[in-house]
N, C-alpha and C. Protein backbone atom coordinates (compact mmCIF):
# COMPACT_ATOMS: atom_id res chain seq x y z
N UNK A 1 -9.34 42.64 59.35
CA UNK A 1 -10.70 43.05 59.71
C UNK A 1 -11.30 42.10 60.75
N UNK A 2 -12.23 42.52 61.43
CA UNK A 2 -12.85 41.72 62.44
C UNK A 2 -13.84 40.69 61.75
N UNK A 3 -14.00 39.56 62.29
CA UNK A 3 -14.90 38.47 61.68
C UNK A 3 -16.31 38.40 62.39
N UNK A 4 -17.34 38.33 61.67
CA UNK A 4 -18.75 38.24 62.31
C UNK A 4 -19.46 37.15 61.73
N UNK A 5 -20.37 36.63 62.55
CA UNK A 5 -21.56 35.81 62.06
C UNK A 5 -22.84 36.65 62.31
N UNK A 6 -23.70 36.72 61.56
CA UNK A 6 -25.03 37.29 61.77
C UNK A 6 -26.08 36.39 61.28
N UNK A 7 -27.33 36.27 61.98
CA UNK A 7 -28.35 35.36 61.67
C UNK A 7 -29.58 36.24 61.90
N UNK A 8 -30.44 36.08 60.80
CA UNK A 8 -31.58 36.96 60.87
C UNK A 8 -32.96 36.01 60.61
N UNK A 9 -33.94 36.42 61.14
CA UNK A 9 -35.19 35.67 60.99
C UNK A 9 -36.09 36.61 60.16
N UNK A 10 -36.52 36.24 58.96
CA UNK A 10 -37.47 37.06 58.25
C UNK A 10 -39.00 36.71 58.38
N UNK A 11 -39.87 37.54 58.10
CA UNK A 11 -41.32 37.08 58.23
C UNK A 11 -41.66 35.86 57.38
N UNK A 12 -42.58 35.08 57.84
CA UNK A 12 -42.82 33.81 56.92
C UNK A 12 -43.78 34.10 55.73
N UNK A 13 -44.38 35.10 55.62
CA UNK A 13 -45.25 35.45 54.45
C UNK A 13 -44.62 36.00 53.22
N UNK A 14 -43.18 36.18 53.23
CA UNK A 14 -42.41 36.52 52.19
C UNK A 14 -41.95 35.35 51.42
N UNK A 15 -41.63 35.54 50.11
CA UNK A 15 -41.36 34.44 49.34
C UNK A 15 -39.70 34.09 49.50
N UNK A 16 -39.21 32.93 49.06
CA UNK A 16 -37.92 32.63 49.20
C UNK A 16 -36.98 33.69 48.35
N UNK A 17 -37.59 34.18 47.06
CA UNK A 17 -37.03 35.13 46.42
C UNK A 17 -36.79 36.44 47.00
N UNK A 18 -37.76 36.71 47.94
CA UNK A 18 -37.62 37.93 48.62
C UNK A 18 -36.55 37.89 49.84
N UNK A 19 -36.44 36.68 50.26
CA UNK A 19 -35.47 36.44 51.31
C UNK A 19 -33.98 36.52 50.57
N UNK A 20 -33.82 36.08 49.45
CA UNK A 20 -32.65 36.26 48.66
C UNK A 20 -32.36 37.65 48.39
N UNK A 21 -33.41 38.49 47.97
CA UNK A 21 -33.14 39.79 47.87
C UNK A 21 -32.64 40.61 49.00
N UNK A 22 -33.27 40.29 50.21
CA UNK A 22 -32.78 40.74 51.50
C UNK A 22 -31.42 40.37 51.75
N UNK A 23 -30.96 39.26 51.43
CA UNK A 23 -29.56 38.79 51.59
C UNK A 23 -28.80 39.68 50.69
N UNK A 24 -29.04 39.84 49.42
CA UNK A 24 -28.28 40.62 48.52
C UNK A 24 -28.27 42.03 49.07
N UNK A 25 -29.17 42.62 49.62
CA UNK A 25 -29.30 44.02 50.11
C UNK A 25 -28.36 44.20 51.17
N UNK A 26 -28.23 43.12 52.18
CA UNK A 26 -27.34 43.30 53.28
C UNK A 26 -25.94 43.12 52.86
N UNK A 27 -25.75 42.13 51.95
CA UNK A 27 -24.32 41.91 51.40
C UNK A 27 -23.84 43.20 50.70
N UNK A 28 -24.70 43.81 49.97
CA UNK A 28 -24.22 45.15 49.31
C UNK A 28 -23.79 46.19 50.34
N UNK A 29 -24.52 46.26 51.35
CA UNK A 29 -24.10 47.27 52.33
C UNK A 29 -22.84 47.04 53.06
N UNK A 30 -22.49 45.70 53.26
CA UNK A 30 -21.21 45.40 53.77
C UNK A 30 -20.17 45.62 52.81
N UNK A 31 -20.33 45.20 51.51
CA UNK A 31 -19.32 45.53 50.45
C UNK A 31 -19.02 47.04 50.21
N UNK A 32 -20.08 47.86 50.31
CA UNK A 32 -19.97 49.21 50.10
C UNK A 32 -19.15 49.93 51.24
N UNK A 33 -19.19 49.22 52.49
CA UNK A 33 -18.31 49.80 53.55
C UNK A 33 -17.04 49.17 53.61
N UNK A 34 -16.46 48.34 52.64
CA UNK A 34 -15.35 47.80 52.61
C UNK A 34 -15.06 46.47 53.16
N UNK A 35 -16.28 45.75 53.38
CA UNK A 35 -16.25 44.46 53.94
C UNK A 35 -16.54 43.30 53.01
N UNK A 36 -16.65 42.09 53.39
CA UNK A 36 -16.82 40.90 52.40
C UNK A 36 -17.69 39.86 53.31
N UNK A 37 -18.67 39.44 52.50
CA UNK A 37 -19.38 38.31 53.00
C UNK A 37 -18.81 36.94 52.52
N UNK A 38 -18.31 36.26 53.55
CA UNK A 38 -17.48 35.01 53.07
C UNK A 38 -18.53 33.92 52.71
N UNK A 39 -19.66 33.68 53.54
CA UNK A 39 -20.75 32.66 53.20
C UNK A 39 -21.93 33.02 53.63
N UNK A 40 -22.98 32.63 52.84
CA UNK A 40 -24.50 32.84 53.13
C UNK A 40 -25.20 31.51 53.14
N UNK A 41 -25.81 31.30 54.13
CA UNK A 41 -26.58 30.09 54.18
C UNK A 41 -28.15 30.35 54.45
N UNK A 42 -28.97 29.80 53.56
CA UNK A 42 -30.43 29.90 53.85
C UNK A 42 -30.94 28.69 54.55
N UNK A 43 -31.39 28.84 55.69
CA UNK A 43 -31.70 27.66 56.55
C UNK A 43 -33.17 27.08 56.31
N UNK A 44 -33.93 28.03 55.56
CA UNK A 44 -35.30 27.67 55.19
C UNK A 44 -36.32 28.24 56.23
N UNK A 45 -37.54 27.88 55.90
CA UNK A 45 -38.74 28.27 56.74
C UNK A 45 -38.72 27.20 57.97
N UNK A 46 -38.46 27.80 59.15
CA UNK A 46 -38.42 26.88 60.37
C UNK A 46 -39.48 27.52 61.33
N UNK A 47 -39.97 26.57 62.22
CA UNK A 47 -40.60 26.87 63.36
C UNK A 47 -39.96 27.76 64.44
N UNK A 48 -40.66 28.65 64.94
CA UNK A 48 -39.87 29.44 66.08
C UNK A 48 -40.34 28.79 67.49
N UNK A 49 -39.39 28.90 68.38
CA UNK A 49 -39.63 28.51 69.80
C UNK A 49 -40.85 29.16 70.34
N UNK A 50 -40.93 30.48 70.06
CA UNK A 50 -42.09 31.18 70.67
C UNK A 50 -42.51 32.19 69.71
N UNK A 51 -43.71 32.73 69.68
CA UNK A 51 -44.18 33.64 68.72
C UNK A 51 -43.44 35.03 68.80
N UNK A 52 -43.09 35.57 67.61
CA UNK A 52 -42.34 36.76 67.37
C UNK A 52 -43.38 37.60 66.39
N UNK A 53 -43.87 38.70 66.93
CA UNK A 53 -44.77 39.53 66.15
C UNK A 53 -46.02 38.81 65.53
N UNK A 54 -46.55 37.82 66.33
CA UNK A 54 -47.64 37.03 65.94
C UNK A 54 -47.25 36.00 65.02
N UNK A 55 -46.04 35.61 64.76
CA UNK A 55 -45.65 34.65 63.77
C UNK A 55 -45.14 33.41 64.56
N UNK A 56 -45.54 32.30 63.91
CA UNK A 56 -45.02 30.94 64.58
C UNK A 56 -43.89 30.42 63.76
N UNK A 57 -43.53 30.88 62.51
CA UNK A 57 -42.49 30.52 61.68
C UNK A 57 -41.72 31.66 61.17
N UNK A 58 -40.41 31.39 60.61
CA UNK A 58 -39.75 32.38 59.95
C UNK A 58 -38.67 31.87 59.06
N UNK A 59 -38.32 32.67 58.03
CA UNK A 59 -37.03 32.35 57.16
C UNK A 59 -35.87 32.72 57.87
N UNK A 60 -34.94 31.61 57.98
CA UNK A 60 -33.63 31.86 58.60
C UNK A 60 -32.55 32.18 57.59
N UNK A 61 -31.77 33.17 57.86
CA UNK A 61 -30.44 33.53 56.98
C UNK A 61 -29.47 33.67 57.84
N UNK A 62 -28.29 33.01 57.53
CA UNK A 62 -27.06 33.05 58.19
C UNK A 62 -25.92 33.50 57.29
N UNK A 63 -25.25 34.46 57.78
CA UNK A 63 -24.03 35.08 57.08
C UNK A 63 -22.67 34.98 57.87
N UNK A 64 -21.67 34.73 57.25
CA UNK A 64 -20.44 34.89 57.75
C UNK A 64 -19.63 36.07 57.09
N UNK A 65 -19.17 37.13 57.83
CA UNK A 65 -18.86 38.34 57.43
C UNK A 65 -17.44 38.76 57.79
N UNK A 66 -16.72 39.30 56.92
CA UNK A 66 -15.23 39.88 57.30
C UNK A 66 -15.44 41.29 56.90
N UNK A 67 -15.73 42.18 58.05
CA UNK A 67 -15.92 43.56 57.65
C UNK A 67 -15.56 44.49 58.88
N UNK A 68 -15.38 45.72 58.64
CA UNK A 68 -14.98 46.71 59.76
C UNK A 68 -16.35 46.88 60.57
N UNK A 69 -16.25 47.35 61.72
CA UNK A 69 -17.38 47.53 62.64
C UNK A 69 -18.39 48.29 62.10
N UNK A 70 -18.02 49.49 61.37
CA UNK A 70 -18.92 50.45 60.93
C UNK A 70 -19.90 49.88 59.89
N UNK A 71 -19.34 48.86 59.19
CA UNK A 71 -20.16 48.11 58.09
C UNK A 71 -21.20 47.26 58.80
N UNK A 72 -20.72 46.73 59.88
CA UNK A 72 -21.73 45.87 60.75
C UNK A 72 -22.80 46.72 61.22
N UNK A 73 -22.46 47.97 61.73
CA UNK A 73 -23.39 48.68 62.45
C UNK A 73 -24.27 49.27 61.52
N UNK A 74 -23.97 49.56 60.21
CA UNK A 74 -24.80 49.99 59.07
C UNK A 74 -25.79 48.87 58.60
N UNK A 75 -25.25 47.67 58.65
CA UNK A 75 -26.13 46.45 58.28
C UNK A 75 -27.18 46.25 59.32
N UNK A 76 -26.75 46.22 60.62
CA UNK A 76 -27.70 46.23 61.66
C UNK A 76 -28.87 47.24 61.80
N UNK A 77 -28.45 48.46 61.35
CA UNK A 77 -29.45 49.59 61.35
C UNK A 77 -30.37 49.37 60.26
N UNK A 78 -29.83 48.75 59.08
CA UNK A 78 -30.83 48.50 58.00
C UNK A 78 -31.83 47.31 58.42
N UNK A 79 -31.16 46.33 59.14
CA UNK A 79 -31.94 45.21 59.77
C UNK A 79 -33.04 45.61 60.53
N UNK A 80 -32.77 46.66 61.37
CA UNK A 80 -33.66 47.09 62.39
C UNK A 80 -34.93 47.88 61.78
N UNK A 81 -34.68 48.59 60.79
CA UNK A 81 -35.70 49.47 60.08
C UNK A 81 -36.53 48.54 58.88
N UNK A 82 -35.95 47.32 58.66
CA UNK A 82 -36.57 46.58 57.64
C UNK A 82 -37.84 45.93 58.11
N UNK A 83 -38.85 46.04 57.64
CA UNK A 83 -40.13 45.35 58.14
C UNK A 83 -40.24 43.91 57.88
N UNK A 84 -39.50 43.37 57.10
CA UNK A 84 -39.37 41.99 56.69
C UNK A 84 -38.53 41.15 57.73
N UNK A 85 -37.73 41.95 58.48
CA UNK A 85 -36.73 41.19 59.43
C UNK A 85 -37.44 41.29 60.82
N UNK A 86 -37.71 40.11 61.35
CA UNK A 86 -38.37 40.10 62.80
C UNK A 86 -37.23 40.14 63.86
N UNK A 87 -36.13 39.35 63.71
CA UNK A 87 -35.08 39.23 64.70
C UNK A 87 -33.73 39.22 63.95
N UNK A 88 -32.73 39.50 64.57
CA UNK A 88 -31.26 39.33 64.11
C UNK A 88 -30.37 39.35 65.20
N UNK A 89 -29.30 38.72 64.97
CA UNK A 89 -28.26 38.65 66.00
C UNK A 89 -26.97 38.67 65.31
N UNK A 90 -25.95 39.38 65.65
CA UNK A 90 -24.70 39.51 65.09
C UNK A 90 -23.58 39.34 66.17
N UNK A 91 -22.72 38.24 65.96
CA UNK A 91 -21.70 38.12 67.09
C UNK A 91 -20.37 38.22 66.32
N UNK A 92 -19.38 38.58 67.14
CA UNK A 92 -17.86 38.61 66.67
C UNK A 92 -17.31 37.27 66.99
N UNK A 93 -16.57 36.67 66.05
CA UNK A 93 -16.01 35.38 66.13
C UNK A 93 -14.50 35.51 65.92
N UNK A 94 -13.67 34.53 66.39
CA UNK A 94 -12.25 34.57 66.17
C UNK A 94 -11.91 34.09 64.81
N UNK A 95 -12.66 33.07 64.27
CA UNK A 95 -12.36 32.69 62.98
C UNK A 95 -13.71 32.25 62.22
N UNK A 96 -13.62 32.22 60.86
CA UNK A 96 -14.76 31.76 60.25
C UNK A 96 -14.75 30.27 59.85
N UNK A 97 -15.74 29.66 60.13
CA UNK A 97 -15.77 28.14 59.82
C UNK A 97 -16.15 27.93 58.28
N UNK A 98 -15.14 27.29 57.65
CA UNK A 98 -15.42 26.97 56.11
C UNK A 98 -16.48 25.85 55.94
N UNK A 99 -16.50 25.02 56.97
CA UNK A 99 -17.59 23.93 56.86
C UNK A 99 -19.02 24.51 56.85
N UNK A 100 -19.91 23.71 56.44
CA UNK A 100 -21.33 23.98 56.57
C UNK A 100 -21.75 24.17 58.05
N UNK A 101 -22.65 24.99 58.49
CA UNK A 101 -23.11 25.09 59.82
C UNK A 101 -23.72 23.91 60.31
N UNK A 102 -23.99 23.65 61.55
CA UNK A 102 -24.70 22.51 62.13
C UNK A 102 -25.97 22.43 61.59
N UNK A 103 -26.79 23.38 61.35
CA UNK A 103 -28.13 23.32 60.81
C UNK A 103 -28.03 22.62 59.32
N UNK A 104 -27.06 23.12 58.56
CA UNK A 104 -27.12 22.61 57.22
C UNK A 104 -26.37 21.15 57.22
N UNK A 105 -25.71 20.90 58.09
CA UNK A 105 -25.15 19.44 58.18
C UNK A 105 -26.29 18.44 58.67
N UNK A 106 -27.09 18.95 59.55
CA UNK A 106 -28.18 18.02 59.93
C UNK A 106 -29.19 18.01 58.97
N UNK A 107 -29.56 19.11 58.24
CA UNK A 107 -30.39 19.04 57.07
C UNK A 107 -30.07 18.18 55.98
N UNK A 108 -28.75 18.12 55.81
CA UNK A 108 -28.21 17.26 54.66
C UNK A 108 -28.30 15.73 54.94
N UNK A 109 -27.98 15.48 56.39
CA UNK A 109 -27.96 14.16 56.92
C UNK A 109 -29.30 13.51 56.95
N UNK A 110 -30.47 14.40 57.29
CA UNK A 110 -31.81 13.95 57.39
C UNK A 110 -32.26 13.66 55.90
N UNK A 111 -31.84 14.47 54.90
CA UNK A 111 -32.27 14.26 53.67
C UNK A 111 -31.62 13.07 52.82
N UNK A 112 -30.44 12.64 53.30
CA UNK A 112 -29.67 11.59 52.86
C UNK A 112 -30.17 10.21 53.39
N UNK A 113 -30.93 10.12 54.44
CA UNK A 113 -31.19 8.97 55.17
C UNK A 113 -32.21 8.28 54.35
N UNK A 114 -33.19 8.96 53.64
CA UNK A 114 -34.13 8.29 52.91
C UNK A 114 -35.46 7.97 53.75
N UNK A 115 -36.42 7.87 53.00
CA UNK A 115 -37.77 7.85 53.66
C UNK A 115 -37.88 6.52 54.28
N UNK A 116 -37.50 5.47 53.87
CA UNK A 116 -37.80 4.04 54.53
C UNK A 116 -37.18 4.04 55.88
N UNK A 117 -35.82 4.45 56.07
CA UNK A 117 -35.14 4.45 57.26
C UNK A 117 -35.95 5.23 58.20
N UNK A 118 -36.43 6.41 57.95
CA UNK A 118 -37.08 7.28 58.81
C UNK A 118 -38.28 6.63 59.41
N UNK A 119 -39.03 5.85 58.67
CA UNK A 119 -40.28 5.30 59.03
C UNK A 119 -40.05 4.05 59.83
N UNK A 120 -38.94 3.47 59.80
CA UNK A 120 -38.69 2.24 60.48
C UNK A 120 -38.36 2.29 62.14
N UNK A 121 -38.75 3.27 62.70
CA UNK A 121 -38.37 3.52 64.13
C UNK A 121 -39.36 2.58 64.98
N UNK A 122 -40.60 2.60 64.79
CA UNK A 122 -41.57 1.99 65.62
C UNK A 122 -41.52 0.45 65.63
N UNK A 123 -41.18 -0.22 64.61
CA UNK A 123 -41.35 -1.54 64.69
C UNK A 123 -40.76 -2.27 63.34
N UNK A 124 -41.03 -3.39 63.19
CA UNK A 124 -40.57 -4.16 61.99
C UNK A 124 -41.83 -3.89 60.94
N UNK A 125 -41.67 -3.02 59.95
CA UNK A 125 -42.67 -2.87 59.02
C UNK A 125 -42.87 -3.94 57.93
N UNK A 126 -41.80 -4.67 57.64
CA UNK A 126 -41.89 -5.70 56.60
C UNK A 126 -42.51 -6.95 57.15
N UNK A 127 -42.33 -7.27 58.53
CA UNK A 127 -42.85 -8.44 58.97
C UNK A 127 -43.90 -8.17 60.01
N UNK A 128 -43.94 -8.95 60.94
CA UNK A 128 -44.97 -8.77 62.10
C UNK A 128 -44.56 -7.51 62.94
N UNK A 129 -45.63 -6.86 63.31
CA UNK A 129 -45.31 -5.66 64.27
C UNK A 129 -44.81 -6.25 65.58
N UNK A 130 -43.91 -5.52 66.11
CA UNK A 130 -43.30 -5.85 67.45
C UNK A 130 -44.44 -5.79 68.54
N UNK A 131 -44.49 -6.71 69.52
CA UNK A 131 -45.50 -6.58 70.51
C UNK A 131 -44.75 -6.63 71.82
N UNK A 132 -45.47 -6.13 72.93
CA UNK A 132 -44.67 -6.21 74.14
C UNK A 132 -44.64 -7.54 74.71
N UNK A 133 -43.54 -7.94 75.45
CA UNK A 133 -43.49 -9.29 76.11
C UNK A 133 -44.74 -9.63 77.00
N UNK A 134 -45.09 -10.75 77.13
CA UNK A 134 -46.27 -11.09 77.93
C UNK A 134 -45.73 -11.39 79.44
N UNK A 135 -46.63 -11.08 80.36
CA UNK A 135 -46.15 -11.50 81.83
C UNK A 135 -46.04 -12.95 82.09
N UNK A 136 -44.89 -13.45 82.80
CA UNK A 136 -44.85 -14.77 82.92
C UNK A 136 -45.86 -15.30 83.93
N UNK A 137 -46.52 -16.45 83.82
CA UNK A 137 -47.39 -17.02 84.73
C UNK A 137 -46.85 -18.41 84.90
N UNK A 138 -47.07 -19.01 86.16
CA UNK A 138 -46.86 -20.39 86.35
C UNK A 138 -48.04 -21.16 86.37
N UNK A 139 -48.53 -21.91 85.65
CA UNK A 139 -49.75 -22.62 85.69
C UNK A 139 -50.81 -22.03 84.86
N UNK A 140 -52.03 -22.36 85.14
CA UNK A 140 -53.12 -21.90 84.42
C UNK A 140 -53.91 -20.81 85.13
N UNK A 141 -53.20 -20.13 86.00
CA UNK A 141 -53.92 -19.02 86.89
C UNK A 141 -53.92 -17.73 86.27
N UNK A 142 -54.67 -16.83 86.99
CA UNK A 142 -54.72 -15.47 86.56
C UNK A 142 -53.78 -14.84 87.54
N UNK A 143 -53.42 -13.53 87.03
CA UNK A 143 -52.59 -12.66 88.06
C UNK A 143 -53.58 -11.71 88.69
N UNK A 144 -53.47 -11.73 90.03
CA UNK A 144 -54.49 -10.85 90.84
C UNK A 144 -53.50 -9.94 91.59
N UNK A 145 -54.10 -8.64 91.71
CA UNK A 145 -53.16 -7.57 92.25
C UNK A 145 -53.77 -7.31 93.73
N UNK A 146 -52.97 -7.52 94.72
CA UNK A 146 -53.52 -7.44 96.21
C UNK A 146 -52.67 -6.37 96.86
N UNK A 147 -53.11 -5.36 97.34
CA UNK A 147 -52.38 -4.35 98.21
C UNK A 147 -51.12 -3.88 97.42
N UNK A 148 -51.29 -3.64 96.10
CA UNK A 148 -50.02 -3.27 95.23
C UNK A 148 -49.20 -4.18 94.83
N UNK A 149 -49.35 -5.47 95.31
CA UNK A 149 -48.34 -6.55 95.04
C UNK A 149 -48.96 -7.42 94.07
N UNK A 150 -48.39 -7.96 93.09
CA UNK A 150 -48.98 -8.91 92.19
C UNK A 150 -48.75 -10.21 92.67
N UNK A 151 -49.99 -11.03 92.84
CA UNK A 151 -49.91 -12.55 93.28
C UNK A 151 -50.68 -13.36 92.26
N UNK A 152 -50.44 -14.67 92.23
CA UNK A 152 -51.05 -15.49 91.30
C UNK A 152 -52.19 -15.98 91.97
N UNK A 153 -53.39 -16.10 91.24
CA UNK A 153 -54.57 -16.71 91.86
C UNK A 153 -55.00 -17.89 90.99
N UNK A 154 -54.97 -19.04 91.68
CA UNK A 154 -55.39 -20.24 90.99
C UNK A 154 -56.69 -20.66 91.17
N UNK A 155 -57.35 -21.49 90.21
CA UNK A 155 -58.71 -21.98 90.54
C UNK A 155 -58.87 -22.83 91.70
N UNK A 156 -57.72 -23.45 92.17
CA UNK A 156 -57.94 -24.32 93.44
C UNK A 156 -58.31 -23.47 94.72
N UNK A 157 -57.72 -22.17 94.70
CA UNK A 157 -58.07 -21.39 95.88
C UNK A 157 -59.47 -21.02 96.05
N UNK A 158 -60.14 -21.01 95.06
CA UNK A 158 -61.69 -20.61 95.07
C UNK A 158 -62.44 -21.87 95.63
N UNK A 159 -61.94 -23.04 95.66
CA UNK A 159 -62.46 -24.21 96.37
C UNK A 159 -62.31 -24.22 97.73
N UNK A 160 -61.38 -23.61 98.18
CA UNK A 160 -61.15 -23.58 99.60
C UNK A 160 -62.03 -22.67 100.50
């Protein structure tokens, strides 16, 4: 049977439990038509790149499916008429990847980093904050900008 990957975005105002029931509903459609859902991943409530039906966020659900084409057509028909599904995309693939998707891998690595490492980007939080290097000067003069070029101004020049 052909292999497919399907991703859908559900409305943000539904609960996680309702997203799970959506997943079960679409999996049952595939099973009834002689197919099998190999893997399902819930990617969570994520921000959208642009507004879809006046929403800025959506619940993402990704499925890997081994099913005949008519099972996929029926699943997509049900996605189209379901009011909770804002967008969906199903593509045919050559093989199903047993590894977690890139979204789940990045989600796991972000969670395993810990809070302290995330916050240590800007400077040394334990010691003194890092400061920008000071401009070098020779002597006790001030730096004066003339016609776009920086030149050093010394107090002796004022006496002349």
